[in-house]
All heavy atoms as atom14 arrays in JSON, in Angstrom:
{
  "sequence": "TLKIDKRKLQNAASTSTVSTWEKTIKNDEQQLGAALNNQYQAVLQ",
  "atom14_mask": [
    [1, 1, 1, 1, 1, 1, 1, 0, 0, 0, 0, 0, 0, 0],
    [1, 1, 1, 1, 1, 1, 1, 1, 0, 0, 0, 0, 0, 0],
    [1, 1, 1, 1, 1, 1, 1, 1, 1, 0, 0, 0, 0, 0],
    [1, 1, 1, 1, 1, 1, 1, 1, 0, 0, 0, 0, 0, 0],
    [1, 1, 1, 1, 1, 1, 1, 1, 0, 0, 0, 0, 0, 0],
    [1, 1, 1, 1, 1, 1, 1, 1, 1, 0, 0, 0, 0, 0],
    [1, 1, 1, 1, 1, 1, 1, 1, 1, 1, 1, 0, 0, 0],
    [1, 1, 1, 1, 1, 1, 1, 1, 1, 0, 0, 0, 0, 0],
    [1, 1, 1, 1, 1, 1, 1, 1, 0, 0, 0, 0, 0, 0],
    [1, 1, 1, 1, 1, 1, 1, 1, 1, 0, 0, 0, 0, 0],
    [1, 1, 1, 1, 1, 1, 1, 1, 0, 0, 0, 0, 0, 0],
    [1, 1, 1, 1, 1, 0, 0, 0, 0, 0, 0, 0, 0, 0],
    [1, 1, 1, 1, 1, 0, 0, 0, 0, 0, 0, 0, 0, 0],
    [1, 1, 1, 1, 1, 1, 0, 0, 0, 0, 0, 0, 0, 0],
    [1, 1, 1, 1, 1, 1, 1, 0, 0, 0, 0, 0, 0, 0],
    [1, 1, 1, 1, 1, 1, 0, 0, 0, 0, 0, 0, 0, 0],
    [1, 1, 1, 1, 1, 1, 1, 0, 0, 0, 0, 0, 0, 0],
    [1, 1, 1, 1, 1, 1, 1, 0, 0, 0, 0, 0, 0, 0],
    [1, 1, 1, 1, 1, 1, 0, 0, 0, 0, 0, 0, 0, 0],
    [1, 1, 1, 1, 1, 1, 1, 0, 0, 0, 0, 0, 0, 0],
    [1, 1, 1, 1, 1, 1, 1, 1, 1, 1, 1, 1, 1, 1],
    [1, 1, 1, 1, 1, 1, 1, 1, 1, 0, 0, 0, 0, 0],
    [1, 1, 1, 1, 1, 1, 1, 1, 1, 0, 0, 0, 0, 0],
    [1, 1, 1, 1, 1, 1, 1, 0, 0, 0, 0, 0, 0, 0],
    [1, 1, 1, 1, 1, 1, 1, 1, 0, 0, 0, 0, 0, 0],
    [1, 1, 1, 1, 1, 1, 1, 1, 1, 0, 0, 0, 0, 0],
    [1, 1, 1, 1, 1, 1, 1, 1, 0, 0, 0, 0, 0, 0],
    [1, 1, 1, 1, 1, 1, 1, 1, 0, 0, 0, 0, 0, 0],
    [1, 1, 1, 1, 1, 1, 1, 1, 1, 0, 0, 0, 0, 0],
    [1, 1, 1, 1, 1, 1, 1, 1, 1, 0, 0, 0, 0, 0],
    [1, 1, 1, 1, 1, 1, 1, 1, 1, 0, 0, 0, 0, 0],
    [1, 1, 1, 1, 1, 1, 1, 1, 0, 0, 0, 0, 0, 0],
    [1, 1, 1, 1, 0, 0, 0, 0, 0, 0, 0, 0, 0, 0],
    [1, 1, 1, 1, 1, 0, 0, 0, 0, 0, 0, 0, 0, 0],
    [1, 1, 1, 1, 1, 0, 0, 0, 0, 0, 0, 0, 0, 0],
    [1, 1, 1, 1, 1, 1, 1, 1, 0, 0, 0, 0, 0, 0],
    [1, 1, 1, 1, 1, 1, 1, 1, 0, 0, 0, 0, 0, 0],
    [1, 1, 1, 1, 1, 1, 1, 1, 0, 0, 0, 0, 0, 0],
    [1, 1, 1, 1, 1, 1, 1, 1, 1, 0, 0, 0, 0, 0],
    [1, 1, 1, 1, 1, 1, 1, 1, 1, 1, 1, 1, 0, 0],
    [1, 1, 1, 1, 1, 1, 1, 1, 1, 0, 0, 0, 0, 0],
    [1, 1, 1, 1, 1, 0, 0, 0, 0, 0, 0, 0, 0, 0],
    [1, 1, 1, 1, 1, 1, 1, 0, 0, 0, 0, 0, 0, 0],
    [1, 1, 1, 1, 1, 1, 1, 1, 0, 0, 0, 0, 0, 0],
    [1, 1, 1, 1, 1, 1, 1, 1, 1, 0, 0, 0, 0, 0]
  ],
  "atom14_positions": [
    [[-12.42, 54.92, 33.56], [-11.43, 56.0, 33.59], [-11.85, 57.16, 32.71], [-11.76, 58.33, 33.11], [-10.05, 55.47, 33.13], [-9.63, 54.45, 34.03], [-9.03, 56.59, 33.11], [0.0, 0.0, 0.0], [0.0, 0.0, 0.0], [0.0, 0.0, 0.0], [0.0, 0.0, 0.0], [0.0, 0.0, 0.0], [0.0, 0.0, 0.0], [0.0, 0.0, 0.0]],
    [[-12.33, 56.85, 31.52], [-12.75, 57.9, 30.58], [-13.95, 58.67, 31.13], [-14.02, 59.91, 31.03], [-13.09, 57.25, 29.23], [-13.2, 58.17, 28.01], [-11.94, 59.01, 27.84], [-13.44, 57.33, 26.75], [0.0, 0.0, 0.0], [0.0, 0.0, 0.0], [0.0, 0.0, 0.0], [0.0, 0.0, 0.0], [0.0, 0.0, 0.0], [0.0, 0.0, 0.0]],
    [[-14.89, 57.95, 31.72], [-16.07, 58.63, 32.28], [-15.7, 59.52, 33.46], [-16.23, 60.62, 33.61], [-17.12, 57.59, 32.7], [-17.82, 56.92, 31.52], [-19.07, 56.17, 31.93], [-18.76, 54.89, 32.65], [-19.98, 54.05, 32.85], [0.0, 0.0, 0.0], [0.0, 0.0, 0.0], [0.0, 0.0, 0.0], [0.0, 0.0, 0.0], [0.0, 0.0, 0.0]],
    [[-14.76, 59.05, 34.27], [-14.3, 59.84, 35.41], [-13.59, 61.11, 34.92], [-13.85, 62.21, 35.42], [-13.37, 59.01, 36.31], [-14.17, 57.93, 37.04], [-12.63, 59.9, 37.31], [-13.31, 56.89, 37.73], [0.0, 0.0, 0.0], [0.0, 0.0, 0.0], [0.0, 0.0, 0.0], [0.0, 0.0, 0.0], [0.0, 0.0, 0.0], [0.0, 0.0, 0.0]],
    [[-12.72, 60.94, 33.93], [-11.98, 62.09, 33.41], [-12.91, 63.11, 32.76], [-12.72, 64.32, 32.89], [-10.93, 61.61, 32.41], [-9.79, 60.87, 33.07], [-9.73, 60.87, 34.32], [-8.96, 60.27, 32.36], [0.0, 0.0, 0.0], [0.0, 0.0, 0.0], [0.0, 0.0, 0.0], [0.0, 0.0, 0.0], [0.0, 0.0, 0.0], [0.0, 0.0, 0.0]],
    [[-13.94, 62.64, 32.05], [-14.89, 63.57, 31.43], [-15.68, 64.33, 32.49], [-15.99, 65.52, 32.32], [-15.83, 62.81, 30.49], [-15.16, 62.36, 29.2], [-16.13, 61.63, 28.28], [-15.47, 61.27, 26.96], [-16.39, 60.55, 26.04], [0.0, 0.0, 0.0], [0.0, 0.0, 0.0], [0.0, 0.0, 0.0], [0.0, 0.0, 0.0], [0.0, 0.0, 0.0]],
    [[-16.02, 63.65, 33.56], [-16.75, 64.32, 34.63], [-15.86, 65.35, 35.32], [-16.31, 66.44, 35.69], [-17.24, 63.29, 35.66], [-18.11, 63.85, 36.77], [-19.42, 64.38, 36.26], [-20.19, 65.0, 37.32], [-21.35, 65.6, 37.15], [-21.86, 65.67, 35.93], [-22.0, 66.13, 38.16], [0.0, 0.0, 0.0], [0.0, 0.0, 0.0], [0.0, 0.0, 0.0]],
    [[-14.58, 65.04, 35.47], [-13.64, 65.99, 36.09], [-13.46, 67.2, 35.17], [-13.26, 68.33, 35.67], [-12.3, 65.3, 36.37], [-12.37, 64.32, 37.53], [-11.0, 63.85, 37.97], [-11.11, 62.98, 39.23], [-9.82, 62.57, 39.77], [0.0, 0.0, 0.0], [0.0, 0.0, 0.0], [0.0, 0.0, 0.0], [0.0, 0.0, 0.0], [0.0, 0.0, 0.0]],
    [[-13.52, 66.98, 33.89], [-13.45, 68.1, 32.95], [-14.64, 69.03, 33.18], [-14.48, 70.27, 33.17], [-13.45, 67.58, 31.5], [-13.6, 68.63, 30.4], [-12.42, 69.61, 30.44], [-13.67, 67.95, 29.02], [0.0, 0.0, 0.0], [0.0, 0.0, 0.0], [0.0, 0.0, 0.0], [0.0, 0.0, 0.0], [0.0, 0.0, 0.0], [0.0, 0.0, 0.0]],
    [[-15.82, 68.47, 33.37], [-17.01, 69.29, 33.62], [-16.88, 70.1, 34.91], [-17.39, 71.21, 35.02], [-18.26, 68.39, 33.7], [-18.64, 67.73, 32.4], [-19.83, 66.81, 32.56], [-20.53, 66.83, 33.57], [-20.09, 65.99, 31.56], [0.0, 0.0, 0.0], [0.0, 0.0, 0.0], [0.0, 0.0, 0.0], [0.0, 0.0, 0.0], [0.0, 0.0, 0.0]],
    [[-16.18, 69.52, 35.88], [-16.04, 70.18, 37.19], [-14.84, 71.1, 37.28], [-14.66, 71.78, 38.3], [-15.95, 69.12, 38.3], [-17.26, 68.39, 38.52], [-18.31, 68.86, 38.11], [-17.18, 67.24, 39.17], [0.0, 0.0, 0.0], [0.0, 0.0, 0.0], [0.0, 0.0, 0.0], [0.0, 0.0, 0.0], [0.0, 0.0, 0.0], [0.0, 0.0, 0.0]],
    [[-13.99, 71.1, 36.24], [-12.75, 71.88, 36.29], [-13.06, 73.37, 36.48], [-13.96, 73.92, 35.85], [-11.95, 71.65, 35.03], [0.0, 0.0, 0.0], [0.0, 0.0, 0.0], [0.0, 0.0, 0.0], [0.0, 0.0, 0.0], [0.0, 0.0, 0.0], [0.0, 0.0, 0.0], [0.0, 0.0, 0.0], [0.0, 0.0, 0.0], [0.0, 0.0, 0.0]],
    [[-12.28, 74.0, 37.37], [-12.57, 75.39, 37.71], [-11.73, 76.39, 36.97], [-12.09, 77.56, 36.85], [-12.36, 75.57, 39.23], [0.0, 0.0, 0.0], [0.0, 0.0, 0.0], [0.0, 0.0, 0.0], [0.0, 0.0, 0.0], [0.0, 0.0, 0.0], [0.0, 0.0, 0.0], [0.0, 0.0, 0.0], [0.0, 0.0, 0.0], [0.0, 0.0, 0.0]],
    [[-10.59, 75.99, 36.43], [-9.69, 76.94, 35.76], [-9.45, 76.54, 34.32], [-9.6, 75.39, 33.93], [-8.36, 77.03, 36.5], [-7.66, 75.81, 36.37], [0.0, 0.0, 0.0], [0.0, 0.0, 0.0], [0.0, 0.0, 0.0], [0.0, 0.0, 0.0], [0.0, 0.0, 0.0], [0.0, 0.0, 0.0], [0.0, 0.0, 0.0], [0.0, 0.0, 0.0]],
    [[-9.04, 77.52, 33.51], [-8.76, 77.26, 32.09], [-7.63, 76.25, 31.92], [-7.71, 75.37, 31.07], [-8.38, 78.58, 31.39], [-9.43, 79.53, 31.56], [-8.14, 78.35, 29.9], [0.0, 0.0, 0.0], [0.0, 0.0, 0.0], [0.0, 0.0, 0.0], [0.0, 0.0, 0.0], [0.0, 0.0, 0.0], [0.0, 0.0, 0.0], [0.0, 0.0, 0.0]],
    [[-6.59, 76.38, 32.75], [-5.46, 75.45, 32.63], [-5.89, 74.04, 32.98], [-5.42, 73.06, 32.36], [-4.32, 75.92, 33.54], [-4.72, 75.89, 34.88], [0.0, 0.0, 0.0], [0.0, 0.0, 0.0], [0.0, 0.0, 0.0], [0.0, 0.0, 0.0], [0.0, 0.0, 0.0], [0.0, 0.0, 0.0], [0.0, 0.0, 0.0], [0.0, 0.0, 0.0]],
    [[-6.73, 73.92, 33.99], [-7.22, 72.59, 34.38], [-8.07, 71.98, 33.28], [-7.98, 70.78, 32.99], [-8.02, 72.66, 35.69], [-7.25, 73.3, 36.69], [-8.4, 71.27, 36.17], [0.0, 0.0, 0.0], [0.0, 0.0, 0.0], [0.0, 0.0, 0.0], [0.0, 0.0, 0.0], [0.0, 0.0, 0.0], [0.0, 0.0, 0.0], [0.0, 0.0, 0.0]],
    [[-8.91, 72.81, 32.66], [-9.74, 72.35, 31.55], [-8.85, 71.82, 30.42], [-9.09, 70.74, 29.88], [-10.63, 73.49, 31.01], [-11.26, 73.11, 29.66], [-11.73, 73.82, 32.02], [0.0, 0.0, 0.0], [0.0, 0.0, 0.0], [0.0, 0.0, 0.0], [0.0, 0.0, 0.0], [0.0, 0.0, 0.0], [0.0, 0.0, 0.0], [0.0, 0.0, 0.0]],
    [[-7.83, 72.56, 30.11], [-6.89, 72.15, 29.04], [-6.22, 70.83, 29.38], [-6.06, 69.94, 28.53], [-5.84, 73.23, 28.83], [-4.89, 72.83, 27.87], [0.0, 0.0, 0.0], [0.0, 0.0, 0.0], [0.0, 0.0, 0.0], [0.0, 0.0, 0.0], [0.0, 0.0, 0.0], [0.0, 0.0, 0.0], [0.0, 0.0, 0.0], [0.0, 0.0, 0.0]],
    [[-5.83, 70.67, 30.66], [-5.17, 69.43, 31.09], [-6.08, 68.23, 30.93], [-5.67, 67.19, 30.42], [-4.75, 69.56, 32.57], [-3.8, 70.63, 32.7], [-4.14, 68.26, 33.07], [0.0, 0.0, 0.0], [0.0, 0.0, 0.0], [0.0, 0.0, 0.0], [0.0, 0.0, 0.0], [0.0, 0.0, 0.0], [0.0, 0.0, 0.0], [0.0, 0.0, 0.0]],
    [[-7.36, 68.39, 31.35], [-8.29, 67.26, 31.25], [-8.66, 66.96, 29.81], [-8.87, 65.8, 29.45], [-9.53, 67.52, 32.11], [-9.27, 67.29, 33.55], [-9.31, 68.19, 34.56], [-8.88, 66.05, 34.17], [-8.97, 67.61, 35.76], [-8.71, 66.29, 35.55], [-8.66, 64.76, 33.68], [-8.33, 65.3, 36.45], [-8.28, 63.76, 34.58], [-8.11, 64.04, 35.95]],
    [[-8.72, 67.96, 28.97], [-9.0, 67.72, 27.54], [-7.89, 66.89, 26.91], [-8.16, 65.95, 26.13], [-9.16, 69.04, 26.81], [-10.47, 69.77, 27.11], [-10.58, 71.12, 26.44], [-9.51, 71.68, 26.07], [-11.7, 71.63, 26.31], [0.0, 0.0, 0.0], [0.0, 0.0, 0.0], [0.0, 0.0, 0.0], [0.0, 0.0, 0.0], [0.0, 0.0, 0.0]],
    [[-6.67, 67.2, 27.24], [-5.52, 66.43, 26.73], [-5.55, 65.01, 27.28], [-5.25, 64.03, 26.56], [-4.21, 67.11, 27.09], [-3.97, 68.44, 26.37], [-2.7, 69.11, 26.85], [-2.48, 70.44, 26.16], [-1.28, 71.16, 26.67], [0.0, 0.0, 0.0], [0.0, 0.0, 0.0], [0.0, 0.0, 0.0], [0.0, 0.0, 0.0], [0.0, 0.0, 0.0]],
    [[-5.88, 64.9, 28.57], [-5.93, 63.58, 29.2], [-6.98, 62.69, 28.53], [-6.74, 61.52, 28.26], [-6.25, 63.72, 30.7], [-5.2, 64.45, 31.33], [-6.38, 62.36, 31.36], [0.0, 0.0, 0.0], [0.0, 0.0, 0.0], [0.0, 0.0, 0.0], [0.0, 0.0, 0.0], [0.0, 0.0, 0.0], [0.0, 0.0, 0.0], [0.0, 0.0, 0.0]],
    [[-8.15, 63.27, 28.27], [-9.25, 62.51, 27.65], [-8.86, 62.06, 26.24], [-9.13, 60.92, 25.84], [-10.53, 63.36, 27.64], [-11.06, 63.5, 29.07], [-11.6, 62.74, 26.75], [-12.13, 64.55, 29.24], [0.0, 0.0, 0.0], [0.0, 0.0, 0.0], [0.0, 0.0, 0.0], [0.0, 0.0, 0.0], [0.0, 0.0, 0.0], [0.0, 0.0, 0.0]],
    [[-8.24, 62.95, 25.5], [-7.8, 62.59, 24.15], [-6.81, 61.43, 24.2], [-6.86, 60.49, 23.39], [-7.16, 63.81, 23.47], [-6.76, 63.56, 22.0], [-6.19, 64.83, 21.37], [-5.81, 64.57, 19.92], [-5.25, 65.79, 19.28], [0.0, 0.0, 0.0], [0.0, 0.0, 0.0], [0.0, 0.0, 0.0], [0.0, 0.0, 0.0], [0.0, 0.0, 0.0]],
    [[-5.89, 61.51, 25.17], [-4.92, 60.44, 25.34], [-5.6, 59.14, 25.77], [-5.24, 58.05, 25.3], [-3.89, 60.85, 26.39], [-2.75, 59.84, 26.52], [-2.12, 59.49, 25.55], [-2.53, 59.37, 27.73], [0.0, 0.0, 0.0], [0.0, 0.0, 0.0], [0.0, 0.0, 0.0], [0.0, 0.0, 0.0], [0.0, 0.0, 0.0], [0.0, 0.0, 0.0]],
    [[-6.6, 59.25, 26.65], [-7.38, 58.08, 27.09], [-7.95, 57.36, 25.87], [-7.85, 56.12, 25.75], [-8.54, 58.49, 27.99], [-8.09, 58.91, 29.38], [-6.92, 58.67, 29.73], [-8.91, 59.49, 30.12], [0.0, 0.0, 0.0], [0.0, 0.0, 0.0], [0.0, 0.0, 0.0], [0.0, 0.0, 0.0], [0.0, 0.0, 0.0], [0.0, 0.0, 0.0]],
    [[-8.58, 58.11, 25.0], [-9.28, 57.52, 23.85], [-8.3, 56.86, 22.89], [-8.59, 55.8, 22.33], [-10.1, 58.6, 23.14], [-11.26, 59.1, 23.97], [-12.02, 60.23, 23.31], [-11.42, 60.96, 22.49], [-13.22, 60.39, 23.62], [0.0, 0.0, 0.0], [0.0, 0.0, 0.0], [0.0, 0.0, 0.0], [0.0, 0.0, 0.0], [0.0, 0.0, 0.0]],
    [[-7.14, 57.48, 22.71], [-6.12, 56.88, 21.84], [-5.59, 55.57, 22.43], [-5.42, 54.58, 21.73], [-4.98, 57.86, 21.61], [-5.38, 59.06, 20.75], [-4.26, 60.09, 20.63], [-3.33, 60.12, 21.44], [-4.35, 60.94, 19.61], [0.0, 0.0, 0.0], [0.0, 0.0, 0.0], [0.0, 0.0, 0.0], [0.0, 0.0, 0.0], [0.0, 0.0, 0.0]],
    [[-5.34, 55.6, 23.74], [-4.84, 54.4, 24.4], [-5.87, 53.27, 24.37], [-5.49, 52.09, 24.22], [-4.52, 54.7, 25.86], [-3.26, 55.5, 26.09], [-2.94, 55.55, 27.57], [-2.63, 54.52, 28.16], [-3.03, 56.71, 28.16], [0.0, 0.0, 0.0], [0.0, 0.0, 0.0], [0.0, 0.0, 0.0], [0.0, 0.0, 0.0], [0.0, 0.0, 0.0]],
    [[-7.12, 53.64, 24.51], [-8.17, 52.64, 24.63], [-8.24, 51.76, 23.39], [-8.36, 50.54, 23.5], [-9.51, 53.34, 24.86], [-10.54, 52.57, 25.69], [-11.47, 53.54, 26.38], [-11.32, 51.62, 24.85], [0.0, 0.0, 0.0], [0.0, 0.0, 0.0], [0.0, 0.0, 0.0], [0.0, 0.0, 0.0], [0.0, 0.0, 0.0], [0.0, 0.0, 0.0]],
    [[-8.14, 52.36, 22.21], [-8.2, 51.59, 20.98], [-7.06, 50.59, 20.88], [-7.26, 49.41, 20.55], [0.0, 0.0, 0.0], [0.0, 0.0, 0.0], [0.0, 0.0, 0.0], [0.0, 0.0, 0.0], [0.0, 0.0, 0.0], [0.0, 0.0, 0.0], [0.0, 0.0, 0.0], [0.0, 0.0, 0.0], [0.0, 0.0, 0.0], [0.0, 0.0, 0.0]],
    [[-5.84, 51.04, 21.19], [-4.68, 50.15, 21.14], [-4.78, 49.05, 22.19], [-4.47, 47.89, 21.92], [-3.4, 50.97, 21.34], [0.0, 0.0, 0.0], [0.0, 0.0, 0.0], [0.0, 0.0, 0.0], [0.0, 0.0, 0.0], [0.0, 0.0, 0.0], [0.0, 0.0, 0.0], [0.0, 0.0, 0.0], [0.0, 0.0, 0.0], [0.0, 0.0, 0.0]],
    [[-5.22, 49.43, 23.4], [-5.31, 48.46, 24.49], [-6.36, 47.39, 24.19], [-6.16, 46.21, 24.47], [-5.64, 49.17, 25.79], [0.0, 0.0, 0.0], [0.0, 0.0, 0.0], [0.0, 0.0, 0.0], [0.0, 0.0, 0.0], [0.0, 0.0, 0.0], [0.0, 0.0, 0.0], [0.0, 0.0, 0.0], [0.0, 0.0, 0.0], [0.0, 0.0, 0.0]],
    [[-7.49, 47.8, 23.62], [-8.54, 46.83, 23.29], [-8.05, 45.86, 22.22], [-8.32, 44.65, 22.28], [-9.81, 47.55, 22.82], [-11.02, 46.64, 22.57], [-11.45, 45.95, 23.85], [-12.19, 47.45, 21.99], [0.0, 0.0, 0.0], [0.0, 0.0, 0.0], [0.0, 0.0, 0.0], [0.0, 0.0, 0.0], [0.0, 0.0, 0.0], [0.0, 0.0, 0.0]],
    [[-7.33, 46.37, 21.25], [-6.79, 45.51, 20.21], [-5.78, 44.51, 20.78], [-5.73, 43.35, 20.38], [-6.13, 46.34, 19.1], [-5.73, 45.51, 17.91], [-6.57, 44.92, 17.22], [-4.43, 45.42, 17.66], [0.0, 0.0, 0.0], [0.0, 0.0, 0.0], [0.0, 0.0, 0.0], [0.0, 0.0, 0.0], [0.0, 0.0, 0.0], [0.0, 0.0, 0.0]],
    [[-4.98, 44.99, 21.75], [-4.03, 44.09, 22.41], [-4.76, 42.96, 23.14], [-4.29, 41.79, 23.11], [-3.17, 44.87, 23.41], [-2.17, 45.77, 22.73], [-1.85, 45.59, 21.55], [-1.67, 46.76, 23.45], [0.0, 0.0, 0.0], [0.0, 0.0, 0.0], [0.0, 0.0, 0.0], [0.0, 0.0, 0.0], [0.0, 0.0, 0.0], [0.0, 0.0, 0.0]],
    [[-5.87, 43.27, 23.76], [-6.66, 42.24, 24.46], [-7.21, 41.23, 23.46], [-7.26, 40.03, 23.74], [-7.8, 42.88, 25.24], [-7.36, 43.76, 26.4], [-6.75, 42.98, 27.55], [-6.7, 41.76, 27.52], [-6.25, 43.68, 28.54], [0.0, 0.0, 0.0], [0.0, 0.0, 0.0], [0.0, 0.0, 0.0], [0.0, 0.0, 0.0], [0.0, 0.0, 0.0]],
    [[-7.63, 41.73, 22.31], [-8.15, 40.85, 21.27], [-7.05, 39.91, 20.77], [-7.28, 38.7, 20.56], [-8.73, 41.67, 20.13], [-9.28, 40.83, 18.99], [-10.39, 40.02, 19.17], [-8.69, 40.87, 17.74], [-10.91, 39.26, 18.12], [-9.19, 40.12, 16.68], [-10.29, 39.31, 16.89], [-10.8, 38.56, 15.85], [0.0, 0.0, 0.0], [0.0, 0.0, 0.0]],
    [[-5.86, 40.46, 20.55], [-4.73, 39.64, 20.1], [-4.39, 38.58, 21.14], [-4.0, 37.45, 20.8], [-3.51, 40.52, 19.81], [-3.68, 41.46, 18.63], [-4.02, 40.73, 17.34], [-3.43, 39.68, 17.03], [-4.95, 41.28, 16.57], [0.0, 0.0, 0.0], [0.0, 0.0, 0.0], [0.0, 0.0, 0.0], [0.0, 0.0, 0.0], [0.0, 0.0, 0.0]],
    [[-4.54, 38.93, 22.42], [-4.28, 37.97, 23.5], [-5.28, 36.81, 23.41], [-4.92, 35.65, 23.68], [-4.39, 38.66, 24.85], [0.0, 0.0, 0.0], [0.0, 0.0, 0.0], [0.0, 0.0, 0.0], [0.0, 0.0, 0.0], [0.0, 0.0, 0.0], [0.0, 0.0, 0.0], [0.0, 0.0, 0.0], [0.0, 0.0, 0.0], [0.0, 0.0, 0.0]],
    [[-6.53, 37.11, 23.03], [-7.53, 36.05, 22.85], [-7.12, 35.13, 21.71], [-7.18, 33.89, 21.84], [-8.93, 36.66, 22.57], [-9.92, 35.56, 22.19], [-9.43, 37.41, 23.8], [0.0, 0.0, 0.0], [0.0, 0.0, 0.0], [0.0, 0.0, 0.0], [0.0, 0.0, 0.0], [0.0, 0.0, 0.0], [0.0, 0.0, 0.0], [0.0, 0.0, 0.0]],
    [[-6.7, 35.71, 20.59], [-6.3, 34.91, 19.44], [-5.08, 34.04, 19.76], [-5.0, 32.86, 19.34], [-5.99, 35.81, 18.23], [-7.17, 36.65, 17.71], [-6.73, 37.45, 16.48], [-8.37, 35.77, 17.37], [0.0, 0.0, 0.0], [0.0, 0.0, 0.0], [0.0, 0.0, 0.0], [0.0, 0.0, 0.0], [0.0, 0.0, 0.0], [0.0, 0.0, 0.0]],
    [[-4.14, 34.59, 20.5], [-2.96, 33.82, 20.91], [-3.36, 32.67, 21.84], [-2.83, 31.55, 21.71], [-1.95, 34.74, 21.58], [-1.29, 35.73, 20.64], [-0.48, 36.78, 21.36], [-0.24, 36.68, 22.57], [-0.06, 37.81, 20.64], [0.0, 0.0, 0.0], [0.0, 0.0, 0.0], [0.0, 0.0, 0.0], [0.0, 0.0, 0.0], [0.0, 0.0, 0.0]]
  ]
}
């Protein structure tokens, strides 16, 4: 998902679209850390 979103950022044609994808990517990265930790906790459980 992150790689796809970064590629879409590169292909974005307008300033507003660029801004949207930058926010999306930042959100992706924040979610990823929490989600990975949740998976690890599931292993421990």
